[in-house]
């Protein structure tokens, strides 16, 4: 045997020897516990397999197989292409490139988050017609929803999906239309119903957001989030319920359904979120606290009398951070019948003003202003006077009431209910502009 042949034989033996551990490590599982190679067993133990992480996409696995070790290079080139398509506003091409990226990196949260947000916020803003904007908002939400399906353990994606439902659908400038489209899609193919890929249960967007956030709370127990302080993160379901109650009032609903929505919000805030335990660090020791923790409860968990004021101060710090007192007070007041009647009087007064039934409008508005004055001046309710939505609603009622006096040629009284609120808001240009815009819309 020549030297060259001997070297080839040695190389062949070396290759065989190296293949043995590789084969042993990579043996596939037959589905039974403990079967397969070491890597397969580790994937099973730590639930890292494709089926454990989320829905399986065979096309993504095929692409990875074809690219072998070039996946990173391919992804970088696709990201460059995506950025170019975005700058040139080629939306269809951009979606196609995005699909290629997620097939190559299906378990990278940021891809789903960034591209979903880009579709819902940036791409939608490029269109003039509100139904077209909604189409792209919906596309962004459905994209993140797919990301949740592919990454069922991801707390972050679950939270960002809730944000689309709560903030983009409910708080955007076009929210009046988006909320309506969420239940009755403008696309004729949905027969005046919702797009069930986006709203499968045919629910209000805020209630869907609440349900989505509750799932994020469950996932957070095993997969901690790094988006917000945990005390803020866990306010999300209750805040959605508050938003739902506010939205019912804006829609002109002031009956039992709305009062129940406020009562549910108060219960979510005080009985659920208020009784959540949070781990905080007080000097060198970890302490469990609750937002609704009473002085006797603090004393019961304190290790020494000196710890009681420290724990109480920490609870107070977190209450202020999440605006706990305000929402507790708001929920308590809004669930009362008198508050519901005050909202109804202001709303009906505005509608009567729009119809030019000025005498009835003036009477209804004055009644609402008097009731709101009583509520805002009640002891313990001082913080409500700083709430933007409530301020705008009251100020709009006052401005309409004043305008009616001008239209009928009556002298505006020197003192009237909520005159102090009007004086305070006149120094807030942003609020005044917003309310004056709403006033103009009523008469156009």
Protein backbone atom coordinates (compact mmCIF):
# COMPACT_ATOMS: atom_id res chain seq x y z
CA UNK A 1 0.00 0.00 0.00
CA UNK A 2 1.41 3.33 -1.04
CA UNK A 3 1.66 6.29 1.31
CA UNK A 4 -1.17 8.10 -0.49
CA UNK A 5 -3.44 5.08 -0.13
CA UNK A 6 -2.55 4.74 3.54
CA UNK A 7 -3.42 8.41 4.14
CA UNK A 8 -6.77 7.98 2.38
CA UNK A 9 -7.53 4.94 4.56
CA UNK A 10 -6.68 6.89 7.72
CA UNK A 11 -8.87 9.79 6.59
CA UNK A 12 -11.76 7.42 5.86
CA UNK A 13 -11.44 5.80 9.29
CA UNK A 14 -11.37 9.24 10.87
CA UNK A 15 -14.55 10.27 9.03
CA UNK A 16 -16.33 7.10 10.17
CA UNK A 17 -15.22 7.65 13.77
CA UNK A 18 -16.48 11.26 13.66
CA UNK A 19 -19.82 10.18 12.17
CA UNK A 20 -20.51 7.79 15.05
CA UNK A 21 -21.02 10.52 17.75
CA UNK A 22 -22.82 12.75 15.25
CA UNK A 23 -25.29 9.95 14.44
CA UNK A 24 -25.64 9.10 18.14
CA UNK A 25 -26.34 12.73 19.04
CA UNK A 26 -28.77 13.34 16.18
CA UNK A 27 -30.89 10.17 16.16
CA UNK A 28 -34.57 11.19 15.70
CA UNK A 29 -37.14 10.31 18.31
CA UNK A 30 -39.79 7.67 17.64
CA UNK A 31 -42.28 9.62 19.75
CA UNK A 32 -41.67 7.74 23.02
CA UNK A 33 -40.11 9.39 26.07
CA UNK A 34 -36.35 8.87 26.24
CA UNK A 35 -36.05 7.67 22.66
CA UNK A 36 -33.77 9.18 20.02
CA UNK A 37 -30.33 10.73 20.31
CA UNK A 38 -29.05 13.10 22.97
CA UNK A 39 -30.19 16.22 21.09
CA UNK A 40 -33.65 14.77 20.57
CA UNK A 41 -33.91 13.94 24.27
CA UNK A 42 -32.85 17.47 25.22
CA UNK A 43 -35.41 18.96 22.83
CA UNK A 44 -38.10 16.81 24.44
CA UNK A 45 -37.01 17.62 28.01
CA UNK A 46 -36.92 21.39 27.48
CA UNK A 47 -39.81 21.50 24.96
CA UNK A 48 -37.69 23.01 22.20
CA UNK A 49 -39.07 21.00 19.30
CA UNK A 50 -41.07 22.66 16.52
CA UNK A 51 -44.35 21.19 17.75
CA UNK A 52 -43.62 22.39 21.31
CA UNK A 53 -42.91 25.96 20.23
CA UNK A 54 -45.95 26.35 17.98
CA UNK A 55 -47.55 25.36 14.69
CA UNK A 56 -45.19 23.65 12.23
CA UNK A 57 -44.56 25.18 8.80
CA UNK A 58 -43.15 22.45 6.49
CA UNK A 59 -42.16 25.04 3.86
CA UNK A 60 -39.91 26.79 6.39
CA UNK A 61 -38.15 23.53 7.22
CA UNK A 62 -37.67 22.84 3.50
CA UNK A 63 -36.09 26.27 2.95
CA UNK A 64 -33.65 25.71 5.82
CA UNK A 65 -32.70 22.32 4.37
CA UNK A 66 -32.06 23.80 0.92
CA UNK A 67 -29.96 26.67 2.28
CA UNK A 68 -27.98 24.46 4.68
CA UNK A 69 -25.47 26.78 6.39
CA UNK A 70 -26.37 29.87 4.34
CA UNK A 71 -29.58 30.78 6.23
CA UNK A 72 -28.01 33.76 8.02
CA UNK A 73 -26.73 35.25 4.76
CA UNK A 74 -30.13 34.76 3.10
CA UNK A 75 -31.96 36.43 6.00
CA UNK A 76 -29.65 39.46 5.92
CA UNK A 77 -30.21 39.91 2.18
CA UNK A 78 -33.97 39.62 2.66
CA UNK A 79 -33.93 42.28 5.39
CA UNK A 80 -32.08 44.64 3.03
CA UNK A 81 -34.65 43.91 0.32
CA UNK A 82 -37.51 44.50 2.79
CA UNK A 83 -36.13 47.91 3.71
CA UNK A 84 -35.83 48.86 0.03
CA UNK A 85 -39.40 47.75 -0.70
CA UNK A 86 -40.63 49.79 2.26
CA UNK A 87 -38.84 52.94 1.06
CA UNK A 88 -40.32 52.50 -2.42
CA UNK A 89 -43.79 51.83 -0.91
CA UNK A 90 -44.18 48.53 -2.71
CA UNK A 91 -46.54 47.00 -0.18
CA UNK A 92 -47.30 43.70 -1.94
CA UNK A 93 -43.61 42.98 -2.58
CA UNK A 94 -42.86 43.91 1.01
CA UNK A 95 -45.37 41.35 2.28
CA UNK A 96 -43.83 38.66 0.05
CA UNK A 97 -40.32 39.37 1.40
CA UNK A 98 -41.66 39.34 4.96
CA UNK A 99 -43.15 35.88 4.38
CA UNK A 100 -39.74 34.62 3.26
CA UNK A 101 -38.07 36.03 6.38
CA UNK A 102 -40.49 34.42 8.83
CA UNK A 103 -40.07 31.06 7.11
CA UNK A 104 -36.35 31.26 7.82
CA UNK A 105 -36.61 32.71 11.34
CA UNK A 106 -40.04 31.65 12.66
CA UNK A 107 -39.02 31.73 16.34
CA UNK A 108 -37.41 35.16 16.42
CA UNK A 109 -40.04 37.32 18.17
CA UNK A 110 -38.73 40.63 16.87
CA UNK A 111 -39.48 39.69 13.25
CA UNK A 112 -43.16 39.16 13.99
CA UNK A 113 -43.34 42.20 16.28
CA UNK A 114 -41.55 44.62 13.93
CA UNK A 115 -43.29 43.59 10.71
CA UNK A 116 -46.73 43.40 12.33
CA UNK A 117 -46.25 46.85 13.85
CA UNK A 118 -44.94 48.18 10.52
CA UNK A 119 -48.04 46.97 8.66
CA UNK A 120 -50.52 48.18 11.29
CA UNK A 121 -48.98 51.60 11.89
CA UNK A 122 -46.68 52.68 9.04
CA UNK A 123 -48.23 51.00 6.01
CA UNK A 124 -51.80 51.80 7.04
CA UNK A 125 -50.94 55.51 7.38
CA UNK A 126 -49.97 55.66 3.69
CA UNK A 127 -53.57 55.16 2.56
CA UNK A 128 -56.28 57.81 2.39
CA UNK A 129 -59.51 55.83 2.62
CA UNK A 130 -60.29 54.59 6.14
CA UNK A 131 -61.38 51.10 4.92
CA UNK A 132 -57.99 50.76 3.17
CA UNK A 133 -56.22 51.81 6.34
CA UNK A 134 -58.20 49.26 8.31
CA UNK A 135 -57.19 46.54 5.82
CA UNK A 136 -53.52 47.13 6.66
CA UNK A 137 -54.15 47.48 10.39
CA UNK A 138 -55.88 44.12 10.19
CA UNK A 139 -52.98 42.70 8.15
CA UNK A 140 -50.55 43.73 10.89
CA UNK A 141 -52.70 42.25 13.63
CA UNK A 142 -53.19 38.97 11.76
CA UNK A 143 -49.45 38.79 11.11
CA UNK A 144 -48.65 39.04 14.83
CA UNK A 145 -51.47 36.56 15.52
CA UNK A 146 -49.69 34.09 13.21
CA UNK A 147 -46.52 34.78 15.16
CA UNK A 148 -48.34 33.85 18.37
CA UNK A 149 -49.49 30.58 16.78
CA UNK A 150 -45.90 29.80 15.70
CA UNK A 151 -44.54 30.78 19.14
CA UNK A 152 -47.14 29.75 21.68
CA UNK A 153 -44.82 30.34 24.63
CA UNK A 154 -43.99 33.93 23.67
CA UNK A 155 -45.30 36.37 26.27
CA UNK A 156 -44.02 39.31 24.22
CA UNK A 157 -45.94 38.48 21.04
CA UNK A 158 -49.10 37.77 23.02
CA UNK A 159 -48.79 41.21 24.64
CA UNK A 160 -48.12 43.00 21.33
CA UNK A 161 -51.19 41.35 19.78
CA UNK A 162 -53.26 42.74 22.66
CA UNK A 163 -51.81 46.17 21.96
CA UNK A 164 -53.07 46.06 18.36
CA UNK A 165 -56.59 45.25 19.56
CA UNK A 166 -56.57 47.80 22.38
CA UNK A 167 -54.56 50.75 21.10
CA UNK A 168 -54.53 50.63 17.31
CA UNK A 169 -58.18 49.64 16.93
CA UNK A 170 -59.48 51.52 19.98
CA UNK A 171 -57.33 54.65 20.43
CA UNK A 172 -56.19 55.66 16.92
CA UNK A 173 -57.64 58.80 15.32
CA UNK A 174 -59.83 56.53 13.18
CA UNK A 175 -60.97 54.45 16.16
CA UNK A 176 -64.62 55.41 15.62
CA UNK A 177 -64.48 53.58 12.28
CA UNK A 178 -62.03 50.83 13.26
CA UNK A 179 -64.21 49.73 16.18
CA UNK A 180 -67.21 49.53 13.85
CA UNK A 181 -65.22 47.67 11.18
CA UNK A 182 -63.94 45.24 13.81
CA UNK A 183 -67.51 43.96 14.18
CA UNK A 184 -68.75 44.67 10.64
CA UNK A 185 -65.87 44.50 8.16
CA UNK A 186 -66.18 46.85 5.14
CA UNK A 187 -64.98 44.09 2.80
CA UNK A 188 -68.14 42.70 1.09
CA UNK A 189 -66.85 39.14 1.28
CA UNK A 190 -67.52 39.12 5.05
CA UNK A 191 -71.27 39.82 4.54
CA UNK A 192 -71.41 42.69 7.04
CA UNK A 193 -69.81 40.54 9.72
CA UNK A 194 -66.31 40.46 11.21
CA UNK A 195 -63.18 39.03 9.62
CA UNK A 196 -63.08 35.88 11.73
CA UNK A 197 -59.35 35.46 11.20
CA UNK A 198 -58.98 38.70 13.17
CA UNK A 199 -62.07 38.63 15.40
CA UNK A 200 -63.09 34.96 15.65
CA UNK A 201 -65.54 35.39 18.55
CA UNK A 202 -67.32 38.49 17.15
CA UNK A 203 -66.54 40.52 20.28
CA UNK A 204 -65.79 44.19 20.97
CA UNK A 205 -62.13 45.01 20.33
CA UNK A 206 -61.48 45.94 23.97
CA UNK A 207 -62.90 42.64 25.21
CA UNK A 208 -60.76 40.75 22.68
CA UNK A 209 -57.75 42.76 23.90
CA UNK A 210 -58.60 41.88 27.50
CA UNK A 211 -58.82 38.17 26.64
CA UNK A 212 -55.49 38.40 24.78
CA UNK A 213 -53.77 40.13 27.70
CA UNK A 214 -55.11 37.54 30.16
CA UNK A 215 -53.35 34.86 28.08
CA UNK A 216 -50.18 36.98 28.24
CA UNK A 217 -50.48 37.01 32.05
CA UNK A 218 -50.60 33.19 32.04
CA UNK A 219 -47.57 32.92 29.74
CA UNK A 220 -45.66 35.42 31.86
CA UNK A 221 -45.63 32.98 34.78
CA UNK A 222 -43.26 30.64 32.90
CA UNK A 223 -41.76 33.04 30.35
CA UNK A 224 -41.10 36.41 32.06
CA UNK A 225 -41.56 39.50 29.90
CA UNK A 226 -39.10 42.39 29.55
CA UNK A 227 -41.44 45.04 28.13
CA UNK A 228 -42.70 46.86 31.23
CA UNK A 229 -42.32 46.79 34.97
CA UNK A 230 -44.44 43.85 36.09
CA UNK A 231 -46.79 46.13 38.05
CA UNK A 232 -47.63 48.01 34.84
CA UNK A 233 -47.69 44.89 32.68
CA UNK A 234 -50.40 43.30 34.83
CA UNK A 235 -52.71 46.32 34.61
CA UNK A 236 -53.47 45.52 30.96
CA UNK A 237 -56.63 43.35 31.31
CA UNK A 238 -58.27 45.73 33.77
CA UNK A 239 -57.37 48.79 31.70
CA UNK A 240 -59.04 47.16 28.68
CA UNK A 241 -62.22 46.73 30.71
CA UNK A 242 -62.06 50.42 31.68
CA UNK A 243 -61.57 51.35 28.01
CA UNK A 244 -64.58 49.23 27.07
CA UNK A 245 -66.79 51.03 29.61
CA UNK A 246 -65.61 54.44 28.35
CA UNK A 247 -66.26 53.38 24.75
CA UNK A 248 -69.86 52.39 25.57
CA UNK A 249 -70.46 55.88 26.91
CA UNK A 250 -68.95 57.47 23.80
CA UNK A 251 -71.30 55.32 21.74
CA UNK A 252 -74.24 56.84 23.61
CA UNK A 253 -75.01 53.84 25.84
CA UNK A 254 -75.70 54.73 29.49
CA UNK A 255 -77.93 51.94 30.78
CA UNK A 256 -77.35 48.83 32.81
CA UNK A 257 -74.86 47.36 30.32
CA UNK A 258 -72.52 50.33 30.79
CA UNK A 259 -72.84 50.38 34.59
CA UNK A 260 -72.07 46.65 34.64
CA UNK A 261 -69.02 47.28 32.46
CA UNK A 262 -67.78 49.86 34.97
CA UNK A 263 -68.49 47.50 37.87
CA UNK A 264 -66.54 44.73 36.11
CA UNK A 265 -63.68 47.17 35.58
CA UNK A 266 -63.69 48.11 39.26
CA UNK A 267 -63.69 44.42 40.26
CA UNK A 268 -60.85 43.67 37.85
CA UNK A 269 -58.88 46.57 39.30
CA UNK A 270 -59.43 46.03 43.03
CA UNK A 271 -60.31 42.35 43.49
CA UNK A 272 -58.04 40.86 40.80
CA UNK A 273 -55.18 43.22 39.99
CA UNK A 274 -55.35 44.77 43.48
CA UNK A 275 -54.78 41.34 45.02
CA UNK A 276 -51.96 40.27 42.69
CA UNK A 277 -48.69 39.61 44.53
CA UNK A 278 -45.60 41.47 43.31
CA UNK A 279 -42.06 40.66 44.35
CA UNK A 280 -40.18 43.85 45.22
CA UNK A 281 -36.80 44.47 46.75
CA UNK A 282 -36.74 46.52 49.95
CA UNK A 283 -33.13 47.19 50.83
CA UNK A 284 -31.54 43.72 50.81
CA UNK A 285 -34.63 41.55 51.11
CA UNK A 286 -37.39 40.49 48.71
CA UNK A 287 -40.94 41.26 49.84
CA UNK A 288 -44.35 40.29 48.40
CA UNK A 289 -46.80 43.19 48.22
CA UNK A 290 -50.34 43.83 46.95
CA UNK A 291 -51.91 47.11 45.81
CA UNK A 292 -54.89 46.55 48.16
CA UNK A 293 -52.75 45.48 51.11
CA UNK A 294 -54.09 46.94 54.37
CA UNK A 295 -52.06 48.05 57.40
CA UNK A 296 -52.88 44.87 59.39
CA UNK A 297 -51.87 42.74 56.37
CA UNK A 298 -48.59 44.64 56.12
CA UNK A 299 -47.91 44.03 59.81
CA UNK A 300 -48.65 40.34 59.35
CA UNK A 301 -45.96 39.90 56.67
CA UNK A 302 -43.37 42.30 58.10
CA UNK A 303 -40.38 40.61 59.73
CA UNK A 304 -40.00 43.42 62.25
CA UNK A 305 -41.92 46.57 63.27
CA UNK A 306 -39.28 48.64 61.48
CA UNK A 307 -40.22 46.98 58.18
CA UNK A 308 -43.87 48.12 58.32
CA UNK A 309 -43.31 51.74 57.17
CA UNK A 310 -40.84 50.55 54.52
CA UNK A 311 -43.36 48.11 53.03
CA UNK A 312 -46.13 50.71 53.22
CA UNK A 313 -43.92 53.26 51.42
CA UNK A 314 -43.13 50.74 48.67
CA UNK A 315 -46.82 49.95 48.16
CA UNK A 316 -47.58 53.66 47.95
CA UNK A 317 -44.81 54.09 45.37
CA UNK A 318 -46.31 51.41 43.13
CA UNK A 319 -49.85 52.73 43.58
CA UNK A 320 -48.73 56.12 42.29
CA UNK A 321 -46.80 54.55 39.43
CA UNK A 322 -49.90 52.77 38.06
CA UNK A 323 -52.32 55.59 39.01
CA UNK A 324 -54.08 53.13 41.27
CA UNK A 325 -56.18 55.58 43.31
CA UNK A 326 -57.52 57.35 40.24
CA UNK A 327 -58.83 54.21 38.53
CA UNK A 328 -60.29 52.88 41.78
CA UNK A 329 -62.14 56.16 42.31
CA UNK A 330 -63.24 56.38 38.66
CA UNK A 331 -64.58 52.84 38.68
CA UNK A 332 -66.48 53.44 41.93
CA UNK A 333 -68.11 56.65 40.70
CA UNK A 334 -68.87 55.54 37.14
CA UNK A 335 -70.75 52.47 38.34
CA UNK A 336 -73.23 54.78 40.16
CA UNK A 337 -76.56 55.65 38.54
CA UNK A 338 -76.09 59.42 39.11
CA UNK A 339 -72.89 59.41 37.06
CA UNK A 340 -74.56 57.50 34.24
CA UNK A 341 -77.36 60.08 34.19
CA UNK A 342 -74.84 62.95 34.07
CA UNK A 343 -73.14 61.40 31.03
CA UNK A 344 -76.52 60.82 29.37
CA UNK A 345 -77.62 64.43 29.88
CA UNK A 346 -74.41 65.80 28.32
CA UNK A 347 -74.58 63.36 25.41
CA UNK A 348 -78.26 63.99 24.67
CA UNK A 349 -77.73 67.74 25.00
CA UNK A 350 -75.04 67.58 22.30
CA UNK A 351 -77.31 65.54 20.01
CA UNK A 352 -80.20 67.97 20.51
CA UNK A 353 -77.85 70.88 19.77
CA UNK A 354 -76.86 69.14 16.54
CA UNK A 355 -80.56 68.93 15.60
CA UNK A 356 -80.98 72.64 16.53
CA UNK A 357 -83.49 71.83 19.29
CA UNK A 358 -81.82 74.51 21.36
CA UNK A 359 -84.22 74.85 24.31
CA UNK A 360 -84.21 71.12 25.05
CA UNK A 361 -80.43 70.98 24.51
CA UNK A 362 -79.85 73.83 26.94
CA UNK A 363 -81.97 72.15 29.61
CA UNK A 364 -80.27 68.76 29.17
CA UNK A 365 -76.77 70.24 29.20
CA UNK A 366 -77.40 72.30 32.33
CA UNK A 367 -78.68 69.19 34.11
CA UNK A 368 -75.55 67.25 33.10
CA UNK A 369 -73.26 70.11 34.13
CA UNK A 370 -74.92 70.31 37.57
CA UNK A 371 -74.57 66.58 38.13
CA UNK A 372 -70.92 66.57 37.01
CA UNK A 373 -70.22 69.54 39.28
CA UNK A 374 -71.62 67.60 42.22
CA UNK A 375 -69.57 64.51 41.38
CA UNK A 376 -66.26 66.30 40.81
CA UNK A 377 -66.63 68.40 43.97
CA UNK A 378 -67.43 65.41 46.17
CA UNK A 379 -64.74 64.71 48.75
CA UNK A 380 -62.31 62.05 47.54
CA UNK A 381 -63.03 62.68 43.85
CA UNK A 382 -60.51 65.48 43.33
CA UNK A 383 -58.27 63.38 41.08
CA UNK A 384 -61.06 63.00 38.51
CA UNK A 385 -60.73 66.64 37.54
CA UNK A 386 -57.37 65.79 35.95
CA UNK A 387 -58.70 63.05 33.64
CA UNK A 388 -58.49 64.04 29.97
CA UNK A 389 -61.56 62.22 28.58
CA UNK A 390 -63.78 63.41 31.43
CA UNK A 391 -62.47 66.97 31.12
CA UNK A 392 -63.12 67.02 27.38
CA UNK A 393 -66.65 65.67 27.81
CA UNK A 394 -67.53 68.26 30.46
CA UNK A 395 -65.85 71.11 28.61
CA UNK A 396 -67.69 70.25 25.38
CA UNK A 397 -70.98 70.39 27.27
CA UNK A 398 -70.09 73.79 28.74
CA UNK A 399 -69.04 75.25 25.38
CA UNK A 400 -72.24 74.03 23.68
CA UNK A 401 -74.31 75.48 26.54
CA UNK A 402 -72.53 78.84 26.15
CA UNK A 403 -72.98 78.78 22.37
CA UNK A 404 -76.72 78.20 22.78
CA UNK A 405 -76.90 81.37 24.89
CA UNK A 406 -75.20 83.22 22.04
CA UNK A 407 -77.54 81.77 19.42
CA UNK A 408 -80.73 82.68 21.29
CA UNK A 409 -79.40 86.06 22.42
CA UNK A 410 -79.33 85.30 26.16
CA UNK A 411 -76.85 86.69 28.65
CA UNK A 412 -74.36 84.09 29.91
CA UNK A 413 -74.59 83.94 33.73
CA UNK A 414 -71.55 85.17 35.61
CA UNK A 415 -71.41 81.91 37.57
CA UNK A 416 -72.49 78.50 36.26
CA UNK A 417 -71.71 74.80 36.95
CA UNK A 418 -68.19 73.77 35.88
CA UNK A 419 -67.11 77.38 35.27
CA UNK A 420 -63.94 76.60 37.24
CA UNK A 421 -63.17 73.69 34.89
CA UNK A 422 -63.59 75.92 31.84
CA UNK A 423 -61.23 78.51 33.38
CA UNK A 424 -58.66 75.81 34.08
CA UNK A 425 -58.86 74.24 30.63
CA UNK A 426 -58.53 77.58 28.78
CA UNK A 427 -54.82 77.44 29.57
CA UNK A 428 -54.50 74.02 27.92
CA UNK A 429 -54.23 74.73 24.17
CA UNK A 430 -54.20 71.05 23.17
CA UNK A 431 -57.42 70.24 25.02
CA UNK A 432 -59.16 73.41 23.84
CA UNK A 433 -58.27 72.69 20.21
CA UNK A 434 -59.52 69.13 20.48
CA UNK A 435 -62.83 70.16 22.09
CA UNK A 436 -63.38 73.04 19.65
CA UNK A 437 -62.81 70.58 16.77
CA UNK A 438 -65.49 68.30 18.23
CA UNK A 439 -67.80 71.29 18.57
CA UNK A 440 -67.32 72.22 14.92
CA UNK A 441 -68.10 68.66 13.82
CA UNK A 442 -71.47 68.85 15.58
CA UNK A 443 -72.63 71.80 13.47
CA UNK A 444 -71.12 70.78 10.11
